[in-house]
Each structure stands twice: as C-alpha cells, then as structure tokens.
C-alpha cells in the first residue's frame, strides 16, 4: 500500500513539473508586446493593408473588428515568431455583430489557425512594444 502511495506521489510531481516551470518563465518564454502588426487582404479588390492593433483596442478592417488580447515575439535566440491571441467580429448593416474568430494565430504558420471569411484574410506579422509611424496608405483605422 505504501509503495502505491509513493508511485502516485511521484507521478503527481512529474506531471506538475512542466506546468510549474512554465509559470516561472512566463508561459512560452516569449517577449510580450503591446501592439500586434497584421497584414490584411481584401479578396475582392486584391488589396493588402497593414493593420496596427494595440492590445485590447478594437481596430476596423473593412467589416471586421479585430481585438488583440495578447501578443508575444520569440526571444532573439529562437527562430523569428509572433504569436497573437485575438477576437474578430463581423459587422453588417442587416445583421447583428457576430464573432467569427477567436484564438491564436502564428506568423510562421498563418494557415494553421486561419480566419475563415469569404472576403477578408488576416495574418500576423510581428508583435512590438510601440506602434510604427502611421502612413495613410492602406492602413486600418481604430474602431469607434
């Protein structure tokens, strides 16, 4: 009976080890950012736009409203990567606002968890601390 308890305790400690390590290093070991940078494609016009989306500030891209909840970049010693958790809602005049996407997107694998929309496509490029200087060419605008 005692050996069964020892085995159970050992298994519990082994299972909790990786979780405890992740909490101490801040999760994935990435560098959190304050602004996510996306490219957005309007499939009807074939126009690509740069989308600058500060965390927790909705940004409009066509009929989409994009809200980034978290973004991080890989540390310099790792391969370049940006990971973004976001919510996307679609607004139309004839229907109420509908959430069409929420989840993670990865710059290195844009097709892994892609937005499924017949008109628009978005994919993350980077995660930075400060928004780049604005340019009027093809930029998305803040919602509101």
N, C-alpha and C. Protein backbone atom coordinates (compact mmCIF):
# COMPACT_ATOMS: atom_id res chain seq x y z
N UNK A 1 0.82 -1.19 0.00
CA UNK A 1 0.00 0.00 0.00
C UNK A 1 0.87 1.25 0.00
N UNK A 2 1.97 1.17 0.77
CA UNK A 2 2.85 2.33 0.86
C UNK A 2 3.52 2.61 -0.48
N UNK A 3 3.89 1.58 -1.20
CA UNK A 3 4.55 1.77 -2.49
C UNK A 3 3.59 2.36 -3.52
N UNK A 4 2.30 2.03 -3.43
CA UNK A 4 1.30 2.61 -4.33
C UNK A 4 1.19 4.11 -4.09
N UNK A 5 1.20 4.53 -2.83
CA UNK A 5 1.14 5.95 -2.50
C UNK A 5 2.39 6.67 -2.99
N UNK A 6 3.54 6.03 -2.87
CA UNK A 6 4.79 6.62 -3.33
C UNK A 6 4.78 6.80 -4.85
N UNK A 7 4.29 5.80 -5.56
CA UNK A 7 4.20 5.89 -7.02
C UNK A 7 3.23 7.00 -7.43
N UNK A 8 2.10 7.10 -6.76
CA UNK A 8 1.12 8.14 -7.07
C UNK A 8 1.70 9.52 -6.82
N UNK A 9 2.41 9.69 -5.70
CA UNK A 9 3.03 10.98 -5.39
C UNK A 9 4.10 11.32 -6.42
N UNK A 10 4.89 10.35 -6.82
CA UNK A 10 5.92 10.57 -7.84
C UNK A 10 5.32 10.99 -9.17
N UNK A 11 4.24 10.34 -9.57
CA UNK A 11 3.57 10.68 -10.82
C UNK A 11 3.01 12.09 -10.77
N UNK A 12 2.45 12.47 -9.63
CA UNK A 12 1.92 13.82 -9.46
C UNK A 12 3.02 14.87 -9.58
N UNK A 13 4.15 14.62 -8.96
CA UNK A 13 5.27 15.56 -9.04
C UNK A 13 5.81 15.67 -10.46
N UNK A 14 5.91 14.56 -11.16
CA UNK A 14 6.38 14.60 -12.55
C UNK A 14 5.42 15.36 -13.45
N UNK A 15 4.13 15.17 -13.23
CA UNK A 15 3.13 15.84 -14.05
C UNK A 15 3.09 17.34 -13.80
N UNK A 16 3.34 17.76 -12.57
CA UNK A 16 3.26 19.18 -12.25
C UNK A 16 4.55 19.92 -12.56
N UNK A 17 5.64 19.23 -12.80
CA UNK A 17 6.93 19.87 -13.07
C UNK A 17 6.92 20.81 -14.27
N UNK A 18 6.47 20.37 -15.46
CA UNK A 18 6.45 21.27 -16.61
C UNK A 18 5.54 22.48 -16.42
N UNK A 19 4.40 22.29 -15.77
CA UNK A 19 3.49 23.42 -15.54
C UNK A 19 4.13 24.44 -14.62
N UNK A 20 4.80 23.98 -13.58
CA UNK A 20 5.46 24.91 -12.67
C UNK A 20 6.59 25.64 -13.38
N UNK A 21 7.31 24.97 -14.25
CA UNK A 21 8.39 25.61 -14.99
C UNK A 21 7.85 26.68 -15.94
N UNK A 22 6.72 26.39 -16.59
CA UNK A 22 6.13 27.37 -17.49
C UNK A 22 5.69 28.61 -16.73
N UNK A 23 5.11 28.46 -15.54
CA UNK A 23 4.68 29.61 -14.76
C UNK A 23 5.87 30.46 -14.35
N UNK A 24 6.97 29.86 -14.01
CA UNK A 24 8.14 30.62 -13.58
C UNK A 24 8.77 31.38 -14.72
N UNK A 25 8.72 30.87 -15.94
CA UNK A 25 9.35 31.54 -17.07
C UNK A 25 8.37 32.42 -17.83
N UNK A 26 7.14 32.57 -17.35
CA UNK A 26 6.18 33.43 -18.03
C UNK A 26 5.46 32.74 -19.17
N UNK A 27 5.26 31.45 -19.10
CA UNK A 27 4.49 30.74 -20.11
C UNK A 27 5.40 30.15 -21.17
N UNK A 28 5.33 30.68 -22.39
CA UNK A 28 6.08 30.11 -23.51
C UNK A 28 7.50 30.63 -23.61
N UNK A 29 7.88 31.56 -22.77
CA UNK A 29 9.22 32.11 -22.83
C UNK A 29 9.35 33.22 -23.85
N UNK A 30 8.23 33.68 -24.42
CA UNK A 30 8.25 34.75 -25.40
C UNK A 30 8.36 36.12 -24.75
N UNK A 31 8.53 37.14 -25.58
CA UNK A 31 8.63 38.52 -25.13
C UNK A 31 7.29 39.19 -25.42
N UNK A 32 6.51 39.54 -24.38
CA UNK A 32 5.21 40.17 -24.60
C UNK A 32 5.35 41.52 -25.29
N UNK A 33 4.39 41.83 -26.13
CA UNK A 33 4.38 43.12 -26.82
C UNK A 33 3.08 43.86 -26.52
N UNK A 34 3.01 45.10 -26.96
CA UNK A 34 1.83 45.93 -26.73
C UNK A 34 1.02 46.17 -27.99
N UNK A 35 1.61 45.87 -29.15
CA UNK A 35 0.96 46.13 -30.43
C UNK A 35 1.22 44.96 -31.37
N UNK A 36 0.16 44.46 -31.99
CA UNK A 36 0.30 43.40 -33.00
C UNK A 36 0.20 44.04 -34.38
N UNK A 37 1.06 43.59 -35.27
CA UNK A 37 1.05 44.07 -36.66
C UNK A 37 0.58 42.91 -37.54
N UNK A 38 -0.44 43.19 -38.35
CA UNK A 38 -1.02 42.19 -39.25
C UNK A 38 -0.94 42.70 -40.69
N UNK A 39 -1.04 41.79 -41.63
CA UNK A 39 -1.39 42.12 -43.00
C UNK A 39 -2.82 41.66 -43.18
N UNK A 40 -3.59 42.46 -43.92
CA UNK A 40 -4.96 42.10 -44.21
C UNK A 40 -5.19 42.12 -45.71
N UNK A 41 -5.87 41.12 -46.21
CA UNK A 41 -6.15 41.02 -47.64
C UNK A 41 -7.65 41.13 -47.87
N UNK A 42 -8.04 42.07 -48.73
CA UNK A 42 -9.40 42.12 -49.22
C UNK A 42 -9.41 41.28 -50.49
N UNK A 43 -10.07 40.13 -50.45
CA UNK A 43 -10.03 39.18 -51.56
C UNK A 43 -10.79 39.68 -52.78
N UNK A 44 -11.72 40.62 -52.59
CA UNK A 44 -12.49 41.15 -53.71
C UNK A 44 -11.64 42.12 -54.53
N UNK A 45 -10.93 43.02 -53.84
CA UNK A 45 -10.12 44.03 -54.53
C UNK A 45 -8.67 43.62 -54.69
N UNK A 46 -8.26 42.54 -54.04
CA UNK A 46 -6.87 42.06 -54.04
C UNK A 46 -5.92 43.09 -53.43
N UNK A 47 -6.43 43.89 -52.52
CA UNK A 47 -5.61 44.92 -51.87
C UNK A 47 -5.14 44.42 -50.50
N UNK A 48 -3.85 44.58 -50.24
CA UNK A 48 -3.27 44.21 -48.95
C UNK A 48 -3.07 45.47 -48.12
N UNK A 49 -3.48 45.43 -46.87
CA UNK A 49 -3.35 46.56 -45.95
C UNK A 49 -2.55 46.15 -44.73
N UNK A 50 -1.86 47.10 -44.15
CA UNK A 50 -1.16 46.89 -42.88
C UNK A 50 -2.13 47.25 -41.76
N UNK A 51 -2.26 46.37 -40.78
CA UNK A 51 -3.16 46.58 -39.65
C UNK A 51 -2.31 46.68 -38.39
N UNK A 52 -2.44 47.79 -37.69
CA UNK A 52 -1.73 48.01 -36.43
C UNK A 52 -2.77 47.95 -35.33
N UNK A 53 -2.66 46.94 -34.46
CA UNK A 53 -3.70 46.67 -33.47
C UNK A 53 -3.12 46.64 -32.05
N UNK A 54 -3.26 47.75 -31.30
CA UNK A 54 -2.83 47.73 -29.90
C UNK A 54 -3.68 46.74 -29.10
N UNK A 55 -3.09 46.18 -28.08
CA UNK A 55 -3.80 45.20 -27.25
C UNK A 55 -5.04 45.84 -26.62
N UNK A 56 -6.15 45.11 -26.67
CA UNK A 56 -7.44 45.48 -26.09
C UNK A 56 -8.05 46.74 -26.69
N UNK A 57 -7.64 47.14 -27.90
CA UNK A 57 -8.24 48.27 -28.59
C UNK A 57 -8.77 47.78 -29.94
N UNK A 58 -10.09 47.75 -30.12
CA UNK A 58 -10.65 47.26 -31.38
C UNK A 58 -10.19 48.11 -32.57
N UNK A 59 -9.89 47.43 -33.67
CA UNK A 59 -9.45 48.08 -34.91
C UNK A 59 -10.32 47.55 -36.04
N UNK A 60 -10.79 48.45 -36.91
CA UNK A 60 -11.63 48.05 -38.03
C UNK A 60 -10.79 47.75 -39.27
N UNK A 61 -11.15 46.69 -39.94
CA UNK A 61 -10.59 46.36 -41.25
C UNK A 61 -11.76 45.92 -42.11
N UNK A 62 -12.24 46.81 -42.96
CA UNK A 62 -13.46 46.55 -43.72
C UNK A 62 -14.62 46.37 -42.76
N UNK A 63 -15.33 45.25 -42.88
CA UNK A 63 -16.45 44.98 -41.98
C UNK A 63 -16.02 44.17 -40.76
N UNK A 64 -14.71 43.95 -40.61
CA UNK A 64 -14.19 43.20 -39.45
C UNK A 64 -13.77 44.16 -38.35
N UNK A 65 -13.98 43.74 -37.12
CA UNK A 65 -13.46 44.44 -35.96
C UNK A 65 -12.52 43.47 -35.25
N UNK A 66 -11.24 43.83 -35.22
CA UNK A 66 -10.19 42.96 -34.69
C UNK A 66 -9.76 43.48 -33.33
N UNK A 67 -9.79 42.61 -32.32
CA UNK A 67 -9.33 42.97 -30.98
C UNK A 67 -8.27 41.98 -30.55
N UNK A 68 -7.05 42.48 -30.40
CA UNK A 68 -5.94 41.64 -29.95
C UNK A 68 -5.98 41.58 -28.43
N UNK A 69 -5.92 40.40 -27.88
CA UNK A 69 -5.93 40.22 -26.42
C UNK A 69 -4.54 39.97 -25.86
N UNK A 70 -3.64 39.39 -26.68
CA UNK A 70 -2.27 39.11 -26.22
C UNK A 70 -1.39 38.90 -27.43
N UNK A 71 -0.17 39.38 -27.35
CA UNK A 71 0.79 39.06 -28.40
C UNK A 71 2.18 38.97 -27.80
N UNK A 72 3.00 38.13 -28.41
CA UNK A 72 4.38 37.98 -27.97
C UNK A 72 5.25 37.57 -29.15
N UNK A 73 6.52 37.91 -29.02
CA UNK A 73 7.52 37.52 -30.01
C UNK A 73 8.47 36.52 -29.38
N UNK A 74 9.08 35.71 -30.21
CA UNK A 74 10.07 34.75 -29.72
C UNK A 74 11.32 35.51 -29.28
N UNK A 75 12.03 34.99 -28.29
CA UNK A 75 13.29 35.61 -27.87
C UNK A 75 14.30 35.61 -29.03
N UNK A 76 15.29 36.50 -28.98
CA UNK A 76 16.25 36.61 -30.08
C UNK A 76 17.01 35.33 -30.39
N UNK A 77 17.22 34.47 -29.40
CA UNK A 77 17.99 33.25 -29.64
C UNK A 77 17.16 32.16 -30.34
N UNK A 78 15.86 32.38 -30.50
CA UNK A 78 14.99 31.42 -31.18
C UNK A 78 14.67 31.92 -32.59
N UNK A 79 14.07 31.05 -33.38
CA UNK A 79 13.64 31.44 -34.73
C UNK A 79 12.59 32.54 -34.62
N UNK A 80 12.58 33.49 -35.57
CA UNK A 80 11.59 34.58 -35.52
C UNK A 80 10.17 34.03 -35.51
N UNK A 81 9.34 34.56 -34.63
CA UNK A 81 7.96 34.11 -34.50
C UNK A 81 7.16 35.18 -33.76
N UNK A 82 5.91 35.34 -34.14
CA UNK A 82 4.97 36.17 -33.41
C UNK A 82 3.73 35.32 -33.15
N UNK A 83 3.27 35.36 -31.91
CA UNK A 83 2.07 34.62 -31.50
C UNK A 83 1.06 35.64 -31.02
N UNK A 84 -0.16 35.57 -31.56
CA UNK A 84 -1.18 36.56 -31.24
C UNK A 84 -2.49 35.85 -30.90
N UNK A 85 -3.08 36.25 -29.77
CA UNK A 85 -4.43 35.78 -29.43
C UNK A 85 -5.37 36.93 -29.73
N UNK A 86 -6.38 36.68 -30.56
CA UNK A 86 -7.27 37.75 -30.98
C UNK A 86 -8.70 37.29 -31.11
N UNK A 87 -9.59 38.28 -31.16
CA UNK A 87 -11.00 38.06 -31.43
C UNK A 87 -11.35 38.89 -32.66
N UNK A 88 -12.15 38.31 -33.55
CA UNK A 88 -12.58 39.02 -34.75
C UNK A 88 -14.10 38.95 -34.82
N UNK A 89 -14.70 40.12 -34.99
CA UNK A 89 -16.15 40.20 -35.16
C UNK A 89 -16.45 40.79 -36.53
N UNK A 90 -17.59 40.38 -37.10
CA UNK A 90 -18.00 40.93 -38.38
C UNK A 90 -19.25 41.75 -38.15
N UNK A 91 -19.25 42.96 -38.72
CA UNK A 91 -20.40 43.84 -38.60
C UNK A 91 -21.02 44.01 -39.98
N UNK A 92 -22.33 43.94 -40.03
CA UNK A 92 -23.07 44.21 -41.26
C UNK A 92 -24.28 45.05 -40.91
N UNK A 93 -24.77 45.79 -41.90
CA UNK A 93 -25.93 46.65 -41.66
C UNK A 93 -27.20 45.83 -41.43
N UNK A 94 -27.28 44.65 -42.02
CA UNK A 94 -28.51 43.86 -41.96
C UNK A 94 -28.54 42.83 -40.83
N UNK A 95 -27.42 42.63 -40.14
CA UNK A 95 -27.38 41.59 -39.09
C UNK A 95 -26.60 42.11 -37.89
N UNK A 96 -26.87 41.53 -36.73
CA UNK A 96 -26.10 41.95 -35.55
C UNK A 96 -24.63 41.52 -35.67
N UNK A 97 -23.79 42.18 -34.89
CA UNK A 97 -22.37 41.83 -34.88
C UNK A 97 -22.20 40.38 -34.48
N UNK A 98 -21.34 39.67 -35.21
CA UNK A 98 -21.14 38.25 -34.97
C UNK A 98 -19.65 37.96 -34.81
N UNK A 99 -19.29 37.23 -33.76
CA UNK A 99 -17.90 36.81 -33.58
C UNK A 99 -17.62 35.67 -34.55
N UNK A 100 -16.62 35.86 -35.40
CA UNK A 100 -16.31 34.85 -36.41
C UNK A 100 -14.98 34.15 -36.16
N UNK A 101 -14.20 34.67 -35.20
CA UNK A 101 -12.93 34.03 -34.88
C UNK A 101 -12.49 34.45 -33.50
N UNK A 102 -11.97 33.50 -32.74
CA UNK A 102 -11.20 33.82 -31.54
C UNK A 102 -10.22 32.68 -31.32
N UNK A 103 -8.97 33.05 -31.16
CA UNK A 103 -7.94 32.04 -30.98
C UNK A 103 -6.57 32.60 -31.29
N UNK A 104 -5.62 31.68 -31.37
CA UNK A 104 -4.22 32.02 -31.62
C UNK A 104 -3.94 32.02 -33.11
N UNK A 105 -3.10 32.97 -33.55
CA UNK A 105 -2.53 32.97 -34.89
C UNK A 105 -1.02 33.07 -34.73
N UNK A 106 -0.31 32.43 -35.66
CA UNK A 106 1.15 32.38 -35.61
C UNK A 106 1.72 32.93 -36.91
N UNK A 107 2.69 33.83 -36.81
CA UNK A 107 3.28 34.44 -38.00
C UNK A 107 3.96 33.40 -38.89
N UNK A 108 4.59 32.41 -38.28
CA UNK A 108 5.32 31.41 -39.07
C UNK A 108 4.39 30.39 -39.74
N UNK A 109 3.16 30.29 -39.28
CA UNK A 109 2.20 29.32 -39.83
C UNK A 109 0.83 29.97 -39.97
N UNK A 110 0.66 30.91 -40.90
CA UNK A 110 -0.61 31.63 -40.99
C UNK A 110 -1.80 30.73 -41.32
N UNK A 111 -1.57 29.61 -41.96
CA UNK A 111 -2.67 28.71 -42.31
C UNK A 111 -3.06 27.75 -41.20
N UNK A 112 -2.29 27.71 -40.13
CA UNK A 112 -2.54 26.76 -39.05
C UNK A 112 -3.89 27.00 -38.38
N UNK A 113 -4.20 28.24 -38.08
CA UNK A 113 -5.46 28.61 -37.44
C UNK A 113 -5.94 29.88 -38.11
N UNK A 114 -6.41 29.76 -39.35
CA UNK A 114 -6.72 30.92 -40.18
C UNK A 114 -8.15 31.40 -39.98
N UNK A 115 -8.35 32.67 -40.29
CA UNK A 115 -9.68 33.27 -40.32
C UNK A 115 -10.40 32.72 -41.54
N UNK A 116 -11.61 32.20 -41.35
CA UNK A 116 -12.40 31.66 -42.45
C UNK A 116 -13.44 32.69 -42.83
N UNK A 117 -13.12 33.51 -43.83
CA UNK A 117 -14.03 34.57 -44.25
C UNK A 117 -13.94 34.67 -45.78
N UNK A 118 -15.09 34.80 -46.46
CA UNK A 118 -15.05 34.83 -47.92
C UNK A 118 -14.46 36.11 -48.51
N UNK A 119 -14.41 37.19 -47.73
CA UNK A 119 -13.94 38.48 -48.26
C UNK A 119 -12.57 38.87 -47.73
N UNK A 120 -12.30 38.60 -46.46
CA UNK A 120 -11.07 39.09 -45.82
C UNK A 120 -10.19 37.95 -45.32
N UNK A 121 -8.90 38.21 -45.34
CA UNK A 121 -7.92 37.32 -44.74
C UNK A 121 -6.96 38.19 -43.95
N UNK A 122 -6.59 37.76 -42.76
CA UNK A 122 -5.60 38.48 -41.97
C UNK A 122 -4.57 37.49 -41.44
N UNK A 123 -3.35 37.96 -41.27
CA UNK A 123 -2.31 37.11 -40.71
C UNK A 123 -1.31 37.99 -39.97
N UNK A 124 -0.81 37.51 -38.83
CA UNK A 124 0.12 38.31 -38.03
C UNK A 124 1.50 38.38 -38.69
N UNK A 125 2.15 39.53 -38.47
CA UNK A 125 3.50 39.75 -38.98
C UNK A 125 4.48 39.83 -37.81
N UNK A 126 4.12 40.64 -36.81
CA UNK A 126 5.02 40.83 -35.68
C UNK A 126 4.26 41.34 -34.47
N UNK A 127 4.97 41.37 -33.37
CA UNK A 127 4.44 41.87 -32.10
C UNK A 127 5.51 42.82 -31.55
N UNK A 128 5.14 44.07 -31.33
CA UNK A 128 6.11 45.09 -30.95
C UNK A 128 5.64 45.85 -29.71
N UNK A 129 6.56 46.64 -29.14
CA UNK A 129 6.22 47.44 -27.96
C UNK A 129 5.55 48.76 -28.32
N UNK A 130 5.84 49.29 -29.49
CA UNK A 130 5.33 50.60 -29.87
C UNK A 130 4.85 50.54 -31.32
N UNK A 131 3.72 51.20 -31.58
CA UNK A 131 3.18 51.22 -32.94
C UNK A 131 4.13 51.96 -33.87
N UNK A 132 4.31 51.46 -35.10
CA UNK A 132 5.15 52.16 -36.06
C UNK A 132 4.50 53.49 -36.46
N UNK A 133 5.30 54.36 -37.05
CA UNK A 133 4.78 55.64 -37.52
C UNK A 133 3.65 55.40 -38.51
N UNK A 134 2.54 56.14 -38.36
CA UNK A 134 1.39 55.90 -39.25
C UNK A 134 1.66 56.34 -40.68
N UNK A 135 1.10 55.59 -41.60
CA UNK A 135 1.09 56.00 -43.01
C UNK A 135 -0.33 55.78 -43.50
N UNK A 136 -0.81 56.69 -44.31
CA UNK A 136 -2.21 56.62 -44.75
C UNK A 136 -2.45 55.51 -45.77
N UNK A 137 -1.40 55.01 -46.38
CA UNK A 137 -1.54 54.03 -47.45
C UNK A 137 -1.98 52.67 -46.93
N UNK A 138 -3.25 52.33 -47.17
CA UNK A 138 -3.75 51.00 -46.84
C UNK A 138 -3.84 50.68 -45.37
N UNK A 139 -3.89 51.68 -44.51
CA UNK A 139 -3.92 51.42 -43.07
C UNK A 139 -5.34 51.18 -42.59
N UNK A 140 -5.48 50.28 -41.64
CA UNK A 140 -6.78 50.07 -40.99
C UNK A 140 -6.96 51.16 -39.95
N UNK A 141 -8.21 51.45 -39.60
CA UNK A 141 -8.46 52.53 -38.65
C UNK A 141 -9.03 52.00 -37.35
N UNK A 142 -8.80 52.73 -36.23
CA UNK A 142 -9.36 52.30 -34.94
C UNK A 142 -10.88 52.25 -35.00
N UNK A 143 -11.46 51.28 -34.31
CA UNK A 143 -12.92 51.17 -34.26
C UNK A 143 -13.47 52.22 -33.32
N UNK A 144 -14.66 52.68 -33.61
CA UNK A 144 -15.30 53.58 -32.66
C UNK A 144 -15.80 54.76 -33.26
